[in-house]
Amino acid sequence: MAGETDLRKLLADMRPVLNPGRFVYCTFTGRAPAGLRPVATVAEPEGLTAVLEQEEADALGLSYDYVAAWITLRIHSALSAVGLTAAVAGRLTEHGISCNVVAGFHHDHLFVTADDAERAVRALEELAAESS
């Protein structure tokens, strides 16, 4: 199934949902610990970044300095869609909320500071309503 590319439809139908839990970014210069269950990973020249539940990081004694909430935009956005990330980031910027975006094949995922989670969802819901 092809994802949506129309920006107006993407915004109007994004349906942001706040996933339960708190998430942290950990980095590893070598291999990640065996059995690690990240929700996202990025391989960079400096090492592997893994986003995982804070409870798992704490249980493994991993260090981190950013605690985030995870918001999923439930619209199936095409990887070639133009403008969704900019519109979402722009709206969150207007509310002083930092945002780290990870795109999956089906959905876009936003990691915002945990304390800003509810405000971020409200701001995105307002953006969706304005785009309808």
N, C-alpha and C. Protein backbone atom coordinates (compact mmCIF):
# COMPACT_ATOMS: atom_id res chain seq x y z
N MET A 1 0.84 -1.18 0.00
CA MET A 1 0.00 0.00 0.00
C MET A 1 0.88 1.24 0.00
N ALA A 2 0.64 2.13 -0.93
CA ALA A 2 1.42 3.36 -1.03
C ALA A 2 0.98 4.34 0.05
N GLY A 3 1.92 5.08 0.58
CA GLY A 3 1.62 6.08 1.59
C GLY A 3 1.08 7.35 0.98
N GLU A 4 0.52 8.19 1.82
CA GLU A 4 -0.07 9.47 1.42
C GLU A 4 1.03 10.47 1.12
N THR A 5 0.83 11.28 0.05
CA THR A 5 1.79 12.33 -0.30
C THR A 5 1.20 13.73 -0.22
N ASP A 6 -0.12 13.85 -0.21
CA ASP A 6 -0.77 15.17 -0.19
C ASP A 6 -0.60 15.79 1.20
N LEU A 7 0.10 16.92 1.27
CA LEU A 7 0.41 17.53 2.56
C LEU A 7 -0.84 17.89 3.35
N ARG A 8 -1.85 18.46 2.70
CA ARG A 8 -3.06 18.83 3.42
C ARG A 8 -3.70 17.61 4.08
N LYS A 9 -3.77 16.51 3.35
CA LYS A 9 -4.34 15.27 3.88
C LYS A 9 -3.46 14.70 4.99
N LEU A 10 -2.16 14.75 4.79
CA LEU A 10 -1.23 14.26 5.82
C LEU A 10 -1.45 14.99 7.14
N LEU A 11 -1.57 16.31 7.05
CA LEU A 11 -1.75 17.11 8.27
C LEU A 11 -3.14 16.89 8.88
N ALA A 12 -4.15 16.90 8.04
CA ALA A 12 -5.53 16.77 8.54
C ALA A 12 -5.77 15.40 9.19
N ASP A 13 -5.11 14.37 8.66
CA ASP A 13 -5.37 13.00 9.12
C ASP A 13 -4.22 12.40 9.92
N MET A 14 -3.30 13.22 10.44
CA MET A 14 -2.12 12.66 11.10
C MET A 14 -2.41 11.89 12.39
N ARG A 15 -3.47 12.23 13.10
CA ARG A 15 -3.90 11.53 14.32
C ARG A 15 -2.73 11.19 15.26
N PRO A 16 -2.12 12.18 15.87
CA PRO A 16 -0.99 11.91 16.76
C PRO A 16 -1.43 11.11 17.99
N VAL A 17 -0.65 10.12 18.35
CA VAL A 17 -0.93 9.33 19.55
C VAL A 17 0.34 9.30 20.41
N LEU A 18 0.14 9.51 21.70
CA LEU A 18 1.24 9.46 22.65
C LEU A 18 1.39 8.01 23.11
N ASN A 19 2.53 7.42 22.78
CA ASN A 19 2.80 6.05 23.20
C ASN A 19 3.16 6.03 24.68
N PRO A 20 2.80 4.96 25.39
CA PRO A 20 3.13 4.91 26.82
C PRO A 20 4.64 4.77 27.04
N GLY A 21 5.09 5.29 28.15
CA GLY A 21 6.49 5.13 28.55
C GLY A 21 7.32 6.37 28.32
N ARG A 22 8.57 6.26 28.76
CA ARG A 22 9.57 7.30 28.57
C ARG A 22 10.73 6.66 27.83
N PHE A 23 11.36 7.43 26.96
CA PHE A 23 12.37 6.88 26.07
C PHE A 23 13.64 7.73 26.14
N VAL A 24 14.77 7.06 25.94
CA VAL A 24 16.07 7.74 26.03
C VAL A 24 16.93 7.37 24.84
N TYR A 25 17.87 8.25 24.54
CA TYR A 25 18.84 8.02 23.48
C TYR A 25 20.14 7.55 24.14
N CYS A 26 20.62 6.38 23.74
CA CYS A 26 21.90 5.86 24.22
C CYS A 26 22.80 5.65 23.00
N THR A 27 24.09 5.78 23.20
CA THR A 27 25.02 5.59 22.09
C THR A 27 26.08 4.57 22.48
N PHE A 28 26.51 3.82 21.48
CA PHE A 28 27.48 2.75 21.70
C PHE A 28 28.56 2.86 20.63
N THR A 29 29.83 2.86 21.05
CA THR A 29 30.92 2.92 20.08
C THR A 29 31.21 1.54 19.50
N GLY A 30 30.87 0.51 20.22
CA GLY A 30 31.01 -0.86 19.71
C GLY A 30 29.63 -1.43 19.48
N ARG A 31 29.48 -2.68 19.79
CA ARG A 31 28.18 -3.33 19.64
C ARG A 31 27.27 -2.95 20.80
N ALA A 32 25.99 -2.92 20.52
CA ALA A 32 24.98 -2.70 21.57
C ALA A 32 24.91 -3.96 22.42
N PRO A 33 24.51 -3.83 23.68
CA PRO A 33 24.39 -5.01 24.53
C PRO A 33 23.43 -6.04 23.92
N ALA A 34 23.78 -7.31 24.09
CA ALA A 34 22.93 -8.39 23.58
C ALA A 34 21.54 -8.29 24.19
N GLY A 35 20.52 -8.52 23.38
CA GLY A 35 19.15 -8.50 23.87
C GLY A 35 18.53 -7.13 23.97
N LEU A 36 19.26 -6.08 23.60
CA LEU A 36 18.72 -4.72 23.64
C LEU A 36 17.49 -4.64 22.74
N ARG A 37 16.44 -3.96 23.21
CA ARG A 37 15.19 -3.86 22.45
C ARG A 37 14.89 -2.40 22.10
N PRO A 38 15.66 -1.80 21.20
CA PRO A 38 15.40 -0.40 20.83
C PRO A 38 14.16 -0.26 19.98
N VAL A 39 13.54 0.93 20.06
CA VAL A 39 12.42 1.24 19.17
C VAL A 39 12.93 1.89 17.89
N ALA A 40 14.16 2.37 17.90
CA ALA A 40 14.78 2.95 16.71
C ALA A 40 16.30 2.90 16.89
N THR A 41 17.01 2.77 15.78
CA THR A 41 18.47 2.84 15.80
C THR A 41 18.95 3.66 14.61
N VAL A 42 20.10 4.29 14.79
CA VAL A 42 20.76 5.01 13.72
C VAL A 42 22.24 4.71 13.81
N ALA A 43 22.83 4.22 12.72
CA ALA A 43 24.26 3.95 12.67
C ALA A 43 24.96 5.18 12.11
N GLU A 44 25.88 5.73 12.89
CA GLU A 44 26.66 6.89 12.48
C GLU A 44 28.14 6.54 12.58
N PRO A 45 29.01 7.30 11.93
CA PRO A 45 30.44 7.01 12.04
C PRO A 45 30.92 7.00 13.50
N GLU A 46 30.30 7.81 14.34
CA GLU A 46 30.73 7.90 15.74
C GLU A 46 30.22 6.74 16.61
N GLY A 47 29.24 6.01 16.11
CA GLY A 47 28.70 4.89 16.88
C GLY A 47 27.24 4.65 16.57
N LEU A 48 26.65 3.70 17.28
CA LEU A 48 25.25 3.35 17.11
C LEU A 48 24.41 4.10 18.14
N THR A 49 23.38 4.80 17.68
CA THR A 49 22.43 5.44 18.58
C THR A 49 21.21 4.53 18.66
N ALA A 50 20.77 4.27 19.88
CA ALA A 50 19.58 3.46 20.09
C ALA A 50 18.60 4.24 20.95
N VAL A 51 17.34 4.27 20.53
CA VAL A 51 16.28 4.86 21.33
C VAL A 51 15.56 3.70 22.00
N LEU A 52 15.52 3.72 23.31
CA LEU A 52 14.90 2.62 24.04
C LEU A 52 14.17 3.12 25.26
N GLU A 53 13.37 2.25 25.85
CA GLU A 53 12.62 2.63 27.03
C GLU A 53 13.59 2.96 28.16
N GLN A 54 13.26 4.00 28.89
CA GLN A 54 14.11 4.44 30.00
C GLN A 54 14.31 3.31 31.02
N GLU A 55 13.25 2.55 31.28
CA GLU A 55 13.36 1.44 32.24
C GLU A 55 14.42 0.43 31.80
N GLU A 56 14.47 0.13 30.52
CA GLU A 56 15.47 -0.82 30.01
C GLU A 56 16.88 -0.24 30.16
N ALA A 57 17.05 1.03 29.81
CA ALA A 57 18.36 1.67 29.96
C ALA A 57 18.80 1.68 31.41
N ASP A 58 17.87 1.99 32.31
CA ASP A 58 18.21 1.99 33.74
C ASP A 58 18.60 0.60 34.21
N ALA A 59 17.86 -0.42 33.79
CA ALA A 59 18.14 -1.79 34.20
C ALA A 59 19.51 -2.25 33.72
N LEU A 60 19.94 -1.74 32.56
CA LEU A 60 21.24 -2.12 32.01
C LEU A 60 22.36 -1.18 32.45
N GLY A 61 22.02 -0.15 33.23
CA GLY A 61 23.03 0.80 33.70
C GLY A 61 23.59 1.67 32.59
N LEU A 62 22.80 1.96 31.58
CA LEU A 62 23.26 2.77 30.46
C LEU A 62 23.10 4.26 30.78
N SER A 63 24.00 5.06 30.25
CA SER A 63 23.91 6.50 30.49
C SER A 63 23.12 7.18 29.38
N TYR A 64 22.46 8.27 29.75
CA TYR A 64 21.68 9.08 28.82
C TYR A 64 21.46 10.43 29.47
N ASP A 65 21.10 11.42 28.66
CA ASP A 65 20.82 12.73 29.23
C ASP A 65 19.57 13.38 28.66
N TYR A 66 18.81 12.65 27.87
CA TYR A 66 17.59 13.18 27.26
C TYR A 66 16.47 12.17 27.47
N VAL A 67 15.42 12.59 28.18
CA VAL A 67 14.27 11.71 28.42
C VAL A 67 13.12 12.24 27.58
N ALA A 68 12.59 11.37 26.74
CA ALA A 68 11.60 11.79 25.75
C ALA A 68 10.29 11.02 25.88
N ALA A 69 9.26 11.63 25.30
CA ALA A 69 8.00 10.95 25.07
C ALA A 69 7.97 10.63 23.57
N TRP A 70 7.25 9.57 23.21
CA TRP A 70 7.19 9.11 21.83
C TRP A 70 5.79 9.32 21.28
N ILE A 71 5.69 10.14 20.25
CA ILE A 71 4.42 10.41 19.58
C ILE A 71 4.48 9.80 18.18
N THR A 72 3.46 9.03 17.84
CA THR A 72 3.37 8.47 16.50
C THR A 72 2.27 9.20 15.72
N LEU A 73 2.59 9.61 14.50
CA LEU A 73 1.59 10.17 13.59
C LEU A 73 1.00 8.98 12.84
N ARG A 74 -0.26 8.70 13.06
CA ARG A 74 -0.85 7.45 12.58
C ARG A 74 -1.22 7.44 11.10
N ILE A 75 -1.07 8.56 10.40
CA ILE A 75 -1.31 8.53 8.96
C ILE A 75 -0.15 7.77 8.30
N HIS A 76 -0.46 6.97 7.29
CA HIS A 76 0.60 6.27 6.55
C HIS A 76 1.19 7.25 5.54
N SER A 77 2.28 7.87 5.92
CA SER A 77 2.92 8.86 5.08
C SER A 77 3.91 8.18 4.14
N ALA A 78 3.93 8.63 2.89
CA ALA A 78 4.91 8.12 1.93
C ALA A 78 6.28 8.65 2.30
N LEU A 79 7.29 7.84 2.09
CA LEU A 79 8.65 8.31 2.35
C LEU A 79 9.03 9.47 1.45
N SER A 80 8.37 9.61 0.32
CA SER A 80 8.65 10.70 -0.62
C SER A 80 7.78 11.94 -0.37
N ALA A 81 6.94 11.91 0.65
CA ALA A 81 6.07 13.06 0.94
C ALA A 81 6.92 14.28 1.28
N VAL A 82 6.43 15.44 0.86
CA VAL A 82 7.16 16.69 1.07
C VAL A 82 6.39 17.59 2.02
N GLY A 83 7.04 18.05 3.09
CA GLY A 83 6.49 19.09 3.94
C GLY A 83 5.95 18.67 5.29
N LEU A 84 5.70 17.38 5.50
CA LEU A 84 5.13 16.96 6.78
C LEU A 84 6.07 17.26 7.95
N THR A 85 7.30 16.86 7.82
CA THR A 85 8.26 17.10 8.90
C THR A 85 8.41 18.59 9.18
N ALA A 86 8.49 19.39 8.13
CA ALA A 86 8.64 20.84 8.29
C ALA A 86 7.42 21.44 8.99
N ALA A 87 6.22 21.02 8.58
CA ALA A 87 5.00 21.57 9.18
C ALA A 87 4.89 21.19 10.65
N VAL A 88 5.18 19.95 10.96
CA VAL A 88 5.09 19.47 12.34
C VAL A 88 6.16 20.16 13.20
N ALA A 89 7.38 20.18 12.71
CA ALA A 89 8.46 20.83 13.47
C ALA A 89 8.19 22.32 13.64
N GLY A 90 7.64 22.95 12.60
CA GLY A 90 7.32 24.37 12.69
C GLY A 90 6.28 24.65 13.76
N ARG A 91 5.24 23.83 13.80
CA ARG A 91 4.20 24.02 14.82
C ARG A 91 4.77 23.81 16.21
N LEU A 92 5.58 22.78 16.40
CA LEU A 92 6.16 22.55 17.72
C LEU A 92 7.13 23.66 18.10
N THR A 93 7.84 24.20 17.12
CA THR A 93 8.73 25.32 17.37
C THR A 93 7.94 26.52 17.89
N GLU A 94 6.77 26.77 17.31
CA GLU A 94 5.93 27.88 17.77
C GLU A 94 5.57 27.74 19.25
N HIS A 95 5.55 26.51 19.74
CA HIS A 95 5.22 26.25 21.15
C HIS A 95 6.47 26.01 22.00
N GLY A 96 7.65 26.22 21.43
CA GLY A 96 8.90 26.06 22.17
C GLY A 96 9.20 24.61 22.54
N ILE A 97 8.78 23.67 21.69
CA ILE A 97 8.96 22.25 21.97
C ILE A 97 9.98 21.66 21.00
N SER A 98 11.05 21.07 21.54
CA SER A 98 12.04 20.42 20.68
C SER A 98 11.46 19.11 20.17
N CYS A 99 11.96 18.67 19.01
CA CYS A 99 11.41 17.48 18.38
C CYS A 99 12.50 16.75 17.61
N ASN A 100 12.59 15.46 17.82
CA ASN A 100 13.49 14.60 17.06
C ASN A 100 12.60 13.63 16.28
N VAL A 101 12.77 13.60 14.96
CA VAL A 101 11.89 12.82 14.08
C VAL A 101 12.60 11.58 13.58
N VAL A 102 11.87 10.46 13.61
CA VAL A 102 12.35 9.21 13.03
C VAL A 102 11.24 8.73 12.09
N ALA A 103 11.58 8.47 10.85
CA ALA A 103 10.59 7.99 9.90
C ALA A 103 10.70 6.48 9.75
N GLY A 104 9.58 5.81 9.93
CA GLY A 104 9.48 4.40 9.60
C GLY A 104 8.84 4.29 8.23
N PHE A 105 8.69 3.08 7.73
CA PHE A 105 8.08 2.90 6.41
C PHE A 105 6.63 3.39 6.40
N HIS A 106 5.89 3.15 7.48
CA HIS A 106 4.47 3.48 7.53
C HIS A 106 4.16 4.81 8.22
N HIS A 107 4.92 5.17 9.23
CA HIS A 107 4.57 6.32 10.05
C HIS A 107 5.80 7.15 10.41
N ASP A 108 5.52 8.39 10.79
CA ASP A 108 6.56 9.26 11.35
C ASP A 108 6.42 9.23 12.86
N HIS A 109 7.56 9.24 13.54
CA HIS A 109 7.60 9.15 14.99
C HIS A 109 8.37 10.35 15.52
N LEU A 110 7.80 10.99 16.52
CA LEU A 110 8.38 12.19 17.10
C LEU A 110 8.80 11.90 18.53
N PHE A 111 9.99 12.29 18.88
CA PHE A 111 10.45 12.19 20.26
C PHE A 111 10.61 13.61 20.78
N VAL A 112 9.79 13.95 21.76
CA VAL A 112 9.79 15.28 22.36
C VAL A 112 10.16 15.15 23.82
N THR A 113 10.66 16.22 24.41
CA THR A 113 10.99 16.18 25.82
C THR A 113 9.77 15.69 26.60
N ALA A 114 9.99 14.74 27.50
CA ALA A 114 8.89 14.08 28.21
C ALA A 114 7.94 15.08 28.86
N ASP A 115 8.48 16.14 29.43
CA ASP A 115 7.64 17.13 30.11
C ASP A 115 6.73 17.91 29.15
N ASP A 116 7.05 17.88 27.86
CA ASP A 116 6.27 18.61 26.86
C ASP A 116 5.28 17.73 26.09
N ALA A 117 5.16 16.47 26.46
CA ALA A 117 4.40 15.51 25.67
C ALA A 117 2.95 15.93 25.44
N GLU A 118 2.23 16.26 26.49
CA GLU A 118 0.82 16.61 26.35
C GLU A 118 0.64 17.88 25.52
N ARG A 119 1.49 18.88 25.76
CA ARG A 119 1.42 20.12 24.98
C ARG A 119 1.69 19.85 23.51
N ALA A 120 2.64 18.96 23.23
CA ALA A 120 2.98 18.63 21.85
C ALA A 120 1.80 17.97 21.14
N VAL A 121 1.15 17.02 21.81
CA VAL A 121 -0.01 16.36 21.20
C VAL A 121 -1.11 17.38 20.92
N ARG A 122 -1.38 18.26 21.88
CA ARG A 122 -2.41 19.29 21.67
C ARG A 122 -2.07 20.19 20.49
N ALA A 123 -0.80 20.60 20.39
CA ALA A 123 -0.37 21.47 19.28
C ALA A 123 -0.56 20.76 17.95
N LEU A 124 -0.26 19.48 17.90
CA LEU A 124 -0.42 18.72 16.66
C LEU A 124 -1.89 18.50 16.32
N GLU A 125 -2.70 18.28 17.32
CA GLU A 125 -4.14 18.14 17.09
C GLU A 125 -4.73 19.45 16.56
N GLU A 126 -4.26 20.58 17.07
CA GLU A 126 -4.70 21.87 16.57
C GLU A 126 -4.30 22.06 15.11
N LEU A 127 -3.07 21.66 14.78
CA LEU A 127 -2.60 21.75 13.40
C LEU A 127 -3.46 20.88 12.47
N ALA A 128 -3.80 19.69 12.95
CA ALA A 128 -4.65 18.80 12.15
C ALA A 128 -6.02 19.42 11.93
N ALA A 129 -6.60 20.00 12.98
CA ALA A 129 -7.92 20.61 12.87
C ALA A 129 -7.91 21.79 11.89
N GLU A 130 -6.85 22.57 11.92
CA GLU A 130 -6.71 23.72 11.01
C GLU A 130 -6.56 23.27 9.56
N SER A 131 -6.06 22.05 9.36
CA SER A 131 -5.79 21.55 8.00
C SER A 131 -6.97 20.80 7.41
N SER A 132 -8.00 20.58 8.22
CA SER A 132 -9.18 19.83 7.75
C SER A 132 -10.04 20.66 6.81
